[in-house]
Amino acid sequence: MITTWDSPSFTEDLVQIAPRLRIVAHCGGEVKARFARSLFTQLTITNAAGPMARATAEMGAAFLLYCVRNVDMYRAELRKPSNEIYQRLHSSGSIGETISGREISMIGFGRIGRDLVDLLRGFDLRWHVYDPHVAPAAAKDYPVQFGTLDDVLRKAAFVVLTAALTDETRGMMNRQTLALLRDGAALINIARGGLIDLDALTAEVSCGRLRCALDVTDPREPLPPRHPLRKLPGAILTPHVAGSPREVRRAMADVVLDDLDRFFRNEPIMNRVTPAMLDRMT
């Protein structure tokens, strides 16, 4: 059986309904919420998260560069019937608007986070990472330093969320943790909207203390047309587009077909999701 984003969720009685079913190949990354936990033992369940991870990391890189270079502010200035911004920059220049050598914070260091670090290696960034499920030794080939959540949030003016959405991480960016970010910091979310208390973030952006760049806003997704973040200065939103290019979907189909081919040839499967993996997955 091949499933997609639009397929229904399946309970433990799937094996009774389809007694000859041996493998489920999902064209996507999220399988935890789609299949009863017992099915991961009774069946072979695979996903195709790899192609989406790279594309999502690319969106994170775009957001980060956009925020560091303050592009949104300059776009707003040039929409005014004034050339004051030219005079101001000519006389005093800009401050802190280069990414090279900067300190960047990241929450989560899975496939997307590591791809993002790889994509931006040429900028000599210093990454401060919080991920209690990753042993420091696992990052020996990456320019990252692990720390506590509070320490990582205080470290840098730019924070990228790449963590999975679990019971532990749901709403982790709330009023208390957002308060740890320095004034003017930008919060970038390319993971799951449920990581953020959206009302708390909206309040911080509304008063101008924080900025944000969000590709996801669940559970309110699509974001209501009149939601303040759609028009607030300092807020950049995209419609959950990070992993949606058609090239990515074709690559996901190739991953699924390759695993099916391997399965029926009795060869090792590359993307099986095991029960032990579920607790750290969205």
Protein backbone atom coordinates (compact mmCIF):
# COMPACT_ATOMS: atom_id res chain seq x y z
CA MET A 1 0.00 0.00 0.00
CA ILE A 2 1.23 3.47 -0.91
CA THR A 3 -0.06 6.42 1.12
CA THR A 4 0.22 10.20 0.76
CA TRP A 5 -0.60 13.38 2.70
CA ASP A 6 -4.29 12.93 1.83
CA SER A 7 -4.57 9.30 2.92
CA PRO A 8 -6.61 8.51 6.06
CA SER A 9 -5.05 7.42 9.32
CA PHE A 10 -5.02 3.70 10.07
CA THR A 11 -5.77 1.94 13.33
CA GLU A 12 -4.49 -1.42 14.59
CA ASP A 13 -7.32 -3.26 12.79
CA LEU A 14 -5.64 -2.58 9.43
CA VAL A 15 -3.98 -6.02 9.57
CA GLN A 16 -7.41 -7.65 9.97
CA ILE A 17 -8.94 -5.57 7.18
CA ALA A 18 -6.03 -6.34 4.84
CA PRO A 19 -4.53 -9.65 6.05
CA ARG A 20 -2.20 -10.00 3.05
CA LEU A 21 -0.71 -6.52 3.49
CA ARG A 22 3.04 -6.66 4.17
CA ILE A 23 4.40 -3.17 3.49
CA VAL A 24 3.14 0.41 3.61
CA ALA A 25 5.25 3.01 1.77
CA HIS A 26 4.39 6.60 2.64
CA CYS A 27 5.08 9.42 0.16
CA GLY A 28 6.01 11.90 2.86
CA GLY A 29 7.86 12.13 6.13
CA GLU A 30 5.15 12.09 8.82
CA VAL A 31 4.01 8.58 9.68
CA LYS A 32 3.74 8.63 13.48
CA ALA A 33 0.25 10.14 13.54
CA ARG A 34 -0.98 8.16 10.53
CA PHE A 35 -0.49 4.60 11.74
CA ALA A 36 -1.24 2.91 15.05
CA ARG A 37 1.98 2.17 16.93
CA SER A 38 1.44 -1.61 16.80
CA LEU A 39 1.46 -1.51 12.99
CA PHE A 40 5.15 -0.54 12.97
CA THR A 41 5.89 -3.96 14.49
CA GLN A 42 3.42 -5.97 12.45
CA LEU A 43 4.19 -4.38 9.08
CA THR A 44 7.09 -2.80 7.26
CA ILE A 45 6.34 0.93 7.15
CA THR A 46 8.63 3.25 5.20
CA ASN A 47 8.67 7.00 4.58
CA ALA A 48 10.37 9.38 2.16
CA ALA A 49 11.60 12.21 4.37
CA GLY A 50 15.01 12.65 2.75
CA PRO A 51 14.09 14.79 -0.28
CA MET A 52 11.88 17.06 1.85
CA ALA A 53 14.62 17.57 4.43
CA ARG A 54 17.00 19.11 1.93
CA ALA A 55 14.33 21.36 0.45
CA THR A 56 13.17 22.43 3.92
CA ALA A 57 16.74 23.25 4.91
CA GLU A 58 16.96 25.37 1.76
CA MET A 59 13.95 27.37 2.94
CA GLY A 60 15.64 27.82 6.31
CA ALA A 61 18.73 29.19 4.59
CA ALA A 62 16.59 31.60 2.56
CA PHE A 63 14.74 32.82 5.66
CA LEU A 64 17.97 33.24 7.60
CA LEU A 65 19.66 35.29 4.89
CA TYR A 66 16.50 37.34 4.39
CA CYS A 67 16.28 38.15 8.10
CA VAL A 68 19.98 38.87 8.64
CA ARG A 69 20.12 41.24 5.67
CA ASN A 70 16.89 42.92 6.84
CA VAL A 71 15.38 42.66 3.36
CA ASP A 72 11.80 43.01 4.61
CA MET A 73 12.53 46.35 6.27
CA TYR A 74 14.23 47.71 3.15
CA ARG A 75 11.31 46.60 0.98
CA ALA A 76 8.97 48.52 3.30
CA GLU A 77 11.20 51.61 3.18
CA LEU A 78 11.27 51.64 -0.60
CA ARG A 79 7.49 51.48 -0.76
CA LYS A 80 7.36 54.87 0.93
CA PRO A 81 7.27 58.05 -1.20
CA SER A 82 10.71 58.96 0.15
CA ASN A 83 14.39 58.30 -0.46
CA GLU A 84 15.38 58.87 3.15
CA ILE A 85 16.71 55.31 3.46
CA TYR A 86 19.36 56.06 0.83
CA GLN A 87 20.64 59.08 2.76
CA ARG A 88 20.62 57.24 6.06
CA LEU A 89 22.61 54.31 4.71
CA HIS A 90 25.01 56.60 2.86
CA SER A 91 25.85 58.54 6.00
CA SER A 92 25.93 55.80 8.64
CA GLY A 93 25.79 52.42 6.87
CA SER A 94 23.96 49.40 8.25
CA ILE A 95 24.80 47.56 11.46
CA GLY A 96 24.94 43.80 11.96
CA GLU A 97 23.55 42.95 8.52
CA THR A 98 26.06 40.35 7.42
CA ILE A 99 25.76 36.64 8.05
CA SER A 100 29.44 35.76 7.72
CA GLY A 101 30.92 34.55 11.00
CA ARG A 102 27.67 35.04 12.93
CA GLU A 103 26.38 33.03 15.86
CA ILE A 104 23.09 31.25 15.04
CA SER A 105 20.93 29.24 17.42
CA MET A 106 19.04 26.10 16.44
CA ILE A 107 16.46 23.97 18.24
CA GLY A 108 16.66 20.39 16.97
CA PHE A 109 19.53 18.73 15.18
CA GLY A 110 18.00 16.02 13.03
CA ARG A 111 18.14 15.58 9.29
CA ILE A 112 16.86 19.10 8.46
CA GLY A 113 19.13 20.83 10.96
CA ARG A 114 22.21 19.03 9.70
CA ASP A 115 21.32 19.76 6.08
CA LEU A 116 20.94 23.44 6.97
CA VAL A 117 24.36 23.56 8.62
CA ASP A 118 25.86 21.88 5.55
CA LEU A 119 24.19 24.34 3.16
CA LEU A 120 25.63 27.34 5.02
CA ARG A 121 29.15 26.09 5.69
CA GLY A 122 30.68 28.73 3.42
CA PHE A 123 29.59 31.50 5.81
CA ASP A 124 31.69 30.19 8.73
CA LEU A 125 28.73 30.27 11.11
CA ARG A 126 28.94 29.23 14.74
CA TRP A 127 25.87 27.22 15.67
CA HIS A 128 24.47 26.91 19.20
CA VAL A 129 22.20 23.87 19.30
CA TYR A 130 19.67 22.43 21.73
CA ASP A 131 18.67 18.83 21.15
CA PRO A 132 18.59 16.54 24.21
CA HIS A 133 18.22 13.46 22.01
CA VAL A 134 21.49 13.91 20.14
CA ALA A 135 24.78 12.91 21.72
CA PRO A 136 27.47 15.60 21.33
CA ALA A 137 29.71 13.06 19.60
CA ALA A 138 27.15 12.81 16.79
CA ALA A 139 27.99 16.37 15.78
CA LYS A 140 31.76 15.97 15.64
CA ASP A 141 31.77 16.78 11.92
CA TYR A 142 29.65 19.92 12.30
CA PRO A 143 30.54 23.43 13.56
CA VAL A 144 28.03 23.25 16.42
CA GLN A 145 28.12 23.63 20.18
CA PHE A 146 25.38 22.05 22.30
CA GLY A 147 23.78 23.83 25.23
CA THR A 148 20.66 24.03 27.36
CA LEU A 149 17.49 25.50 25.88
CA ASP A 150 17.76 28.70 27.94
CA ASP A 151 21.42 29.15 27.04
CA VAL A 152 20.84 28.58 23.33
CA LEU A 153 17.93 31.03 23.24
CA ARG A 154 20.00 33.75 24.89
CA LYS A 155 23.05 33.20 22.66
CA ALA A 156 22.06 34.54 19.27
CA ALA A 157 19.85 37.05 17.53
CA PHE A 158 18.57 34.40 15.09
CA VAL A 159 16.91 31.15 16.20
CA VAL A 160 15.95 28.41 13.74
CA LEU A 161 13.43 25.73 14.73
CA THR A 162 14.02 22.34 13.09
CA ALA A 163 12.76 20.08 15.92
CA ALA A 164 10.11 17.38 15.65
CA LEU A 165 6.71 18.07 17.21
CA THR A 166 6.28 15.75 20.19
CA ASP A 167 4.52 15.93 23.54
CA GLU A 168 7.80 17.29 24.90
CA THR A 169 8.27 20.04 22.30
CA ARG A 170 4.68 21.17 21.71
CA GLY A 171 4.40 24.85 22.61
CA MET A 172 8.04 25.01 23.72
CA MET A 173 8.35 28.55 22.34
CA ASN A 174 5.88 30.16 24.73
CA ARG A 175 5.70 33.46 26.58
CA GLN A 176 8.46 32.45 29.01
CA THR A 177 10.93 31.11 26.46
CA LEU A 178 10.27 33.90 23.94
CA ALA A 179 11.12 36.37 26.71
CA LEU A 180 14.65 34.91 26.77
CA LEU A 181 15.32 36.14 23.23
CA ARG A 182 17.12 39.45 22.95
CA ASP A 183 15.26 42.48 21.63
CA GLY A 184 15.15 42.45 17.83
CA ALA A 185 15.79 38.71 17.55
CA ALA A 186 14.22 36.74 14.71
CA LEU A 187 12.53 33.36 15.22
CA ILE A 188 12.54 31.16 12.12
CA ASN A 189 10.28 28.09 11.96
CA ILE A 190 10.70 25.53 9.17
CA ALA A 191 9.60 22.58 11.33
CA ARG A 192 6.10 22.42 12.85
CA GLY A 193 3.85 25.29 13.81
CA GLY A 194 2.86 23.56 17.04
CA LEU A 195 6.32 24.25 18.45
CA ILE A 196 5.26 27.87 18.95
CA ASP A 197 2.54 29.47 21.07
CA LEU A 198 1.27 31.56 18.17
CA ASP A 199 -0.58 34.07 20.37
CA ALA A 200 2.55 34.69 22.44
CA LEU A 201 4.68 35.18 19.32
CA THR A 202 2.08 37.46 17.74
CA ALA A 203 2.15 39.67 20.83
CA GLU A 204 5.96 39.93 20.67
CA VAL A 205 5.97 40.78 16.97
CA SER A 206 3.06 43.23 17.37
CA CYS A 207 4.98 45.33 19.86
CA GLY A 208 8.09 45.23 17.69
CA ARG A 209 10.32 43.38 20.13
CA LEU A 210 10.77 40.25 17.98
CA ARG A 211 10.68 39.35 14.30
CA CYS A 212 9.67 36.04 12.77
CA ALA A 213 9.82 34.03 9.55
CA LEU A 214 7.34 31.15 9.49
CA ASP A 215 6.63 28.50 6.89
CA VAL A 216 4.27 26.67 9.26
CA THR A 217 1.61 27.88 11.68
CA ASP A 218 -0.36 24.79 12.68
CA PRO A 219 -2.71 24.18 14.42
CA ARG A 220 -4.04 27.36 12.75
CA GLU A 221 -3.11 26.38 9.22
CA PRO A 222 -4.02 27.76 6.82
CA LEU A 223 -3.55 30.93 8.85
CA PRO A 224 -6.83 32.89 8.97
CA PRO A 225 -6.88 35.66 6.32
CA ARG A 226 -7.25 38.37 8.96
CA HIS A 227 -4.57 37.09 11.31
CA PRO A 228 -2.28 39.98 12.35
CA LEU A 229 0.93 38.20 11.35
CA ARG A 230 -0.10 38.36 7.70
CA LYS A 231 0.49 42.13 7.68
CA LEU A 232 2.67 42.94 10.68
CA PRO A 233 6.06 44.55 10.00
CA GLY A 234 8.75 42.10 10.99
CA ALA A 235 6.70 39.02 10.09
CA ILE A 236 7.53 36.93 7.01
CA LEU A 237 5.13 34.11 6.18
CA THR A 238 5.04 31.44 3.49
CA PRO A 239 2.22 28.87 3.01
CA HIS A 240 3.93 25.64 4.16
CA VAL A 241 5.89 25.63 0.93
CA ALA A 242 9.33 24.44 2.06
CA GLY A 243 8.95 20.82 0.96
CA SER A 244 6.41 21.31 -1.81
CA PRO A 245 8.40 21.76 -5.06
CA ARG A 246 7.35 19.24 -7.69
CA GLU A 247 10.98 18.16 -8.03
CA VAL A 248 10.85 17.13 -4.37
CA ARG A 249 7.66 15.15 -4.90
CA ARG A 250 9.22 13.29 -7.81
CA ALA A 251 12.26 12.50 -5.68
CA MET A 252 9.97 11.20 -2.91
CA ALA A 253 8.24 8.92 -5.41
CA ASP A 254 11.65 7.57 -6.44
CA VAL A 255 12.48 6.83 -2.79
CA VAL A 256 9.19 4.98 -2.30
CA LEU A 257 9.57 2.94 -5.48
CA ASP A 258 13.15 2.06 -4.62
CA ASP A 259 12.15 0.76 -1.18
CA LEU A 260 9.29 -1.25 -2.66
CA ASP A 261 11.65 -2.75 -5.20
CA ARG A 262 14.11 -3.65 -2.45
CA PHE A 263 11.38 -5.16 -0.29
CA PHE A 264 10.08 -7.51 -2.97
CA ARG A 265 13.62 -8.49 -3.93
CA ASN A 266 14.32 -9.32 -0.26
CA GLU A 267 17.03 -6.66 -0.13
CA PRO A 268 17.70 -4.24 2.77
CA ILE A 269 15.17 -1.40 2.96
CA MET A 270 16.65 2.07 3.27
CA ASN A 271 13.81 4.04 4.90
CA ARG A 272 11.97 1.75 7.30
CA VAL A 273 10.49 3.48 10.36
CA THR A 274 10.91 1.36 13.47
CA PRO A 275 9.00 1.64 16.78
CA ALA A 276 12.17 2.89 18.49
CA MET A 277 12.23 5.90 16.14
CA LEU A 278 8.69 7.09 16.89
CA ASP A 279 9.30 8.94 20.16
CA ARG A 280 11.65 11.39 18.43
CA MET A 281 9.45 11.92 15.37
CA THR A 282 6.68 14.34 14.61
